[in-house]
Amino acid sequence: MPTSRTISVQESDPRHHPEASLGELRTAELAVFAHADAGWSEVFGRLDALWRAARRHEVRDLQPSQLRAEIREVATAARGAGMRPEQFLWVVKESWSALPEVRTNDRQIARDLLSGIVTLCIDEFYRD
């Protein structure tokens, strides 16, 4: 039975991460509907790595293809955890919208970027 829990996607001080070019990195609290299953923890860990990789670029300069390797790892973890595709995409979208950089940049650019990320997520989730 699914249980509700809060997942914290945290970054430490950006001064310790010179690759973080999107401004001050903050803690984003993401409430998700998660199975009380250790497999989902792996998915959230991979999502955290995906968003850290995204933060190495300015939102307006980022291309989804630059994140393909990280997206592949998240999709593989999601399949391994038994997530249904709609659960996987919901978690990706919710975690994306919790990122401070996404909320402070041009909304159309952020929507277009998310659309490309979702397309790659679908491709990788169904990859053989």
Protein backbone atom coordinates (compact mmCIF):
# COMPACT_ATOMS: atom_id res chain seq x y z
CA MET A 1 0.00 0.00 0.00
CA PRO A 2 1.46 3.42 -0.93
CA THR A 3 2.30 5.78 1.86
CA SER A 4 2.82 9.52 1.73
CA ARG A 5 6.22 10.83 2.64
CA THR A 6 8.35 13.89 2.01
CA ILE A 7 11.50 13.58 -0.03
CA SER A 8 14.12 16.26 0.44
CA VAL A 9 16.26 17.04 -2.58
CA GLN A 10 19.21 18.88 -1.05
CA GLU A 11 22.23 20.64 -2.37
CA SER A 12 24.97 22.02 -0.19
CA ASP A 13 26.36 25.54 -0.42
CA PRO A 14 26.98 26.45 -4.11
CA ARG A 15 30.42 27.84 -3.22
CA HIS A 16 31.48 24.22 -2.77
CA HIS A 17 30.05 23.33 -6.20
CA PRO A 18 31.65 25.51 -8.86
CA GLU A 19 29.69 23.60 -11.52
CA ALA A 20 26.43 24.95 -10.07
CA SER A 21 25.79 27.86 -12.41
CA LEU A 22 22.07 28.43 -11.87
CA GLY A 23 22.42 30.56 -8.79
CA GLU A 24 21.97 29.75 -5.13
CA LEU A 25 21.05 26.12 -4.62
CA ARG A 26 18.44 25.55 -1.94
CA THR A 27 16.68 22.64 -0.34
CA ALA A 28 13.52 21.74 -2.22
CA GLU A 29 10.87 19.83 -0.32
CA LEU A 30 8.95 17.46 -2.57
CA ALA A 31 5.89 15.69 -1.21
CA VAL A 32 5.42 12.49 -3.18
CA PHE A 33 3.24 9.43 -3.02
CA ALA A 34 5.86 6.74 -2.54
CA HIS A 35 5.75 3.04 -1.89
CA ALA A 36 7.29 1.99 1.38
CA ASP A 37 9.82 0.22 -0.81
CA ALA A 38 13.58 0.66 -0.85
CA GLY A 39 13.53 0.64 -4.67
CA TRP A 40 11.92 4.05 -4.76
CA SER A 41 14.80 5.48 -2.72
CA GLU A 42 17.12 4.55 -5.57
CA VAL A 43 14.87 6.44 -7.98
CA PHE A 44 14.96 9.56 -5.81
CA GLY A 45 18.73 9.31 -5.51
CA ARG A 46 19.03 9.10 -9.30
CA LEU A 47 16.66 12.06 -9.70
CA ASP A 48 18.84 14.07 -7.36
CA ALA A 49 21.85 13.23 -9.55
CA LEU A 50 19.88 14.21 -12.67
CA TRP A 51 19.00 17.63 -11.27
CA ARG A 52 22.59 18.17 -10.07
CA ALA A 53 23.74 17.50 -13.63
CA ALA A 54 21.12 19.94 -14.96
CA ARG A 55 22.37 22.60 -12.55
CA ARG A 56 25.75 22.54 -14.26
CA HIS A 57 24.14 24.54 -17.08
CA GLU A 58 22.05 27.66 -17.41
CA VAL A 59 18.40 26.70 -17.97
CA ARG A 60 18.25 28.69 -21.22
CA ASP A 61 21.35 26.86 -22.56
CA LEU A 62 20.49 23.34 -21.42
CA GLN A 63 19.48 20.73 -23.98
CA PRO A 64 17.70 17.58 -22.77
CA SER A 65 20.15 15.42 -24.74
CA GLN A 66 22.92 16.66 -22.39
CA LEU A 67 21.14 14.75 -19.61
CA ARG A 68 20.51 11.47 -21.45
CA ALA A 69 22.92 9.39 -19.34
CA GLU A 70 21.37 10.60 -16.07
CA ILE A 71 17.84 10.16 -17.47
CA ARG A 72 18.73 6.60 -18.47
CA GLU A 73 19.85 5.87 -14.90
CA VAL A 74 16.64 7.28 -13.42
CA ALA A 75 14.47 5.33 -15.87
CA THR A 76 16.37 2.12 -15.19
CA ALA A 77 15.95 2.60 -11.44
CA ALA A 78 12.23 3.34 -11.90
CA ARG A 79 11.69 0.16 -13.92
CA GLY A 80 13.69 -1.79 -11.35
CA ALA A 81 11.55 -0.38 -8.54
CA GLY A 82 8.39 -1.47 -10.30
CA MET A 83 7.13 2.05 -10.97
CA ARG A 84 4.41 2.36 -13.53
CA PRO A 85 5.23 4.81 -16.34
CA GLU A 86 2.72 7.37 -15.10
CA GLN A 87 4.20 7.22 -11.58
CA PHE A 88 7.68 7.72 -12.99
CA LEU A 89 6.67 10.72 -15.09
CA TRP A 90 4.71 12.25 -12.22
CA VAL A 91 7.73 12.03 -9.92
CA VAL A 92 10.00 13.55 -12.60
CA LYS A 93 7.59 16.44 -13.23
CA GLU A 94 6.97 17.13 -9.54
CA SER A 95 10.65 17.09 -8.68
CA TRP A 96 11.37 19.39 -11.65
CA SER A 97 8.78 21.92 -10.53
CA ALA A 98 10.30 21.95 -7.02
CA LEU A 99 13.64 23.24 -8.33
CA PRO A 100 14.12 26.94 -7.49
CA GLU A 101 15.91 27.58 -10.80
CA VAL A 102 12.88 26.43 -12.77
CA ARG A 103 10.55 28.77 -10.93
CA THR A 104 12.81 31.78 -11.42
CA ASN A 105 13.52 31.41 -15.15
CA ASP A 106 11.42 32.05 -18.23
CA ARG A 107 8.40 29.76 -17.97
CA GLN A 108 8.29 28.92 -21.68
CA ILE A 109 11.94 27.89 -21.70
CA ALA A 110 11.36 25.76 -18.60
CA ARG A 111 8.24 24.13 -20.14
CA ASP A 112 10.08 23.36 -23.38
CA LEU A 113 13.00 21.90 -21.48
CA LEU A 114 10.72 19.75 -19.33
CA SER A 115 8.93 18.55 -22.45
CA GLY A 116 12.24 17.37 -23.90
CA ILE A 117 13.22 15.74 -20.61
CA VAL A 118 9.88 13.91 -20.42
CA THR A 119 10.31 12.68 -24.00
CA LEU A 120 13.73 11.25 -23.11
CA CYS A 121 12.30 9.75 -19.91
CA ILE A 122 9.68 7.90 -21.95
CA ASP A 123 12.29 6.73 -24.48
CA GLU A 124 14.57 5.47 -21.73
CA PHE A 125 11.80 3.90 -19.65
CA TYR A 126 10.76 1.72 -22.61
CA ARG A 127 14.30 1.11 -23.82
CA ASP A 128 15.07 -2.58 -24.30
